[in-house]
Protein backbone atom coordinates (compact mmCIF):
# COMPACT_ATOMS: atom_id res chain seq x y z
CA MET A 1 -5.66 -12.57 -5.38
CA MET A 2 -2.19 -10.95 -5.55
CA VAL A 3 -3.15 -8.47 -2.92
CA ASP A 4 -4.11 -11.33 -0.67
CA ALA A 5 -0.69 -13.12 -1.15
CA ALA A 6 0.96 -9.59 -0.68
CA GLU A 7 -1.09 -9.11 2.59
CA ARG A 8 0.78 -12.37 3.95
CA ASP A 9 4.08 -11.73 2.41
CA ALA A 10 6.19 -8.52 2.55
CA GLU A 11 8.38 -9.52 -0.66
CA ILE A 12 5.49 -10.26 -2.63
CA ALA A 13 3.88 -6.77 -1.66
CA ALA A 14 7.37 -5.05 -2.44
CA ALA A 15 7.34 -6.91 -5.90
CA LEU A 16 3.81 -5.87 -6.66
CA VAL A 17 4.42 -2.17 -5.96
CA SER A 18 7.44 -2.49 -8.41
CA ARG A 19 5.41 -3.58 -11.23
CA GLU A 20 4.71 -1.10 -14.09
CA ASP A 21 1.42 -2.57 -15.11
CA LEU A 22 -0.16 -2.53 -11.53
CA PRO A 23 -3.56 -0.90 -11.76
CA HIS A 24 -4.21 1.94 -9.43
CA HIS A 25 -7.25 0.28 -7.67
CA VAL A 26 -4.86 -2.63 -6.77
CA LEU A 27 -2.10 -0.59 -5.35
CA ALA A 28 -4.84 1.42 -3.33
CA ASP A 29 -6.28 -1.92 -2.06
CA LEU A 30 -2.82 -3.15 -0.99
CA ILE A 31 -1.93 0.13 0.94
CA LYS A 32 -5.54 0.11 2.63
CA ARG A 33 -4.74 -3.45 3.91
CA SER A 34 -1.22 -2.67 4.96
CA THR A 35 -0.12 -1.63 8.64
CA PRO A 36 1.72 1.67 8.95
CA PRO A 37 5.04 0.11 9.02
CA GLN A 38 4.11 -2.00 5.93
CA GLN A 39 2.91 1.13 4.29
CA ALA A 40 6.17 2.98 5.02
CA ARG A 41 8.24 -0.02 3.47
CA LEU A 42 6.13 -0.05 0.52
CA LEU A 43 6.49 3.66 -0.08
CA LYS A 44 10.14 3.42 0.26
CA ARG A 45 10.41 0.32 -2.19
CA ALA A 46 7.72 1.66 -4.76
CA ARG A 47 8.71 2.87 -8.25
CA PRO A 48 9.05 6.81 -8.08
CA GLU A 49 5.83 7.34 -10.23
CA PHE A 50 3.82 5.43 -7.78
CA ARG A 51 4.85 7.40 -4.76
CA ASP A 52 2.42 10.13 -4.85
CA ALA A 53 -0.45 7.64 -5.34
CA ILE A 54 0.76 5.63 -2.44
CA ARG A 55 0.89 8.64 -0.14
CA ALA A 56 -2.65 9.61 -1.23
CA ALA A 57 -3.91 6.29 -0.64
CA ILE A 58 -2.22 6.25 2.85
CA ASP A 59 -3.65 9.65 3.59
CA ALA A 60 -7.21 8.62 2.31
CA GLY A 61 -6.92 5.49 4.59
CA LEU A 62 -5.94 7.51 7.68
CA ALA A 63 -8.68 9.98 7.13
CA ALA A 64 -11.23 6.94 6.84
CA LYS A 65 -10.10 5.18 10.07
CA PRO A 66 -11.76 6.32 13.50
CA VAL A 67 -9.66 7.31 15.96
CA GLN A 68 -9.57 4.85 19.00
CA ALA A 69 -9.73 6.10 22.57
CA VAL A 70 -6.88 4.80 24.67
């Protein structure tokens, strides 16, 4: 439910990535649902110890998304 709220509100998302008790799967879900600009903001505002996990989730998400032809 928190990820659903964070998907609609950038401040909630920022607060969520700042939590010490945030489970890894919740963080990964939040990153997966975020747009690239949102991901960059979350990475910037995240706790330092979460940044590697966020980068990994972003990289995994990018690798999983098919490239769309223009």
